[in-house]
Amino acid sequence: MKITKNTKQVSNLNDLGLSKKEIAIMNETAKIYEKNCGQCGGDGVWKAGPITNGVPARVGTCYGCQGKGYQTYSDKKRNETYWNYNWNRYGGLT
């Protein structure tokens, strides 16, 4: 028995054939999830290393939130996938 998925790439929610009410619920649900990023503390800047005179040794754009300061549901899913992959691949030594 062969099982195939009917998948289609869509550019926005309107292409899925959903009702306006369903689209509104999905958009509202996505907005509800937005949380301060735990990786950067909500400022969108990743900092690491020793702090000398108030300046961290290494600074960059936060991967967890892409510099926004908060994580959306899609950010959360991307991060979980990335971190789980590295955890499984390198045995927790990322």
Foldseek 3Di string as FASTA:
>chain_A
DDDDDDDDDDDDPVVVVDDPVVVVVVVVVQVVQKDFDPQCRQQQKHADDDADPNRGPDIDGDQQPRSRRIHTPVSVVVVVVVQVVCCVVVVHPD
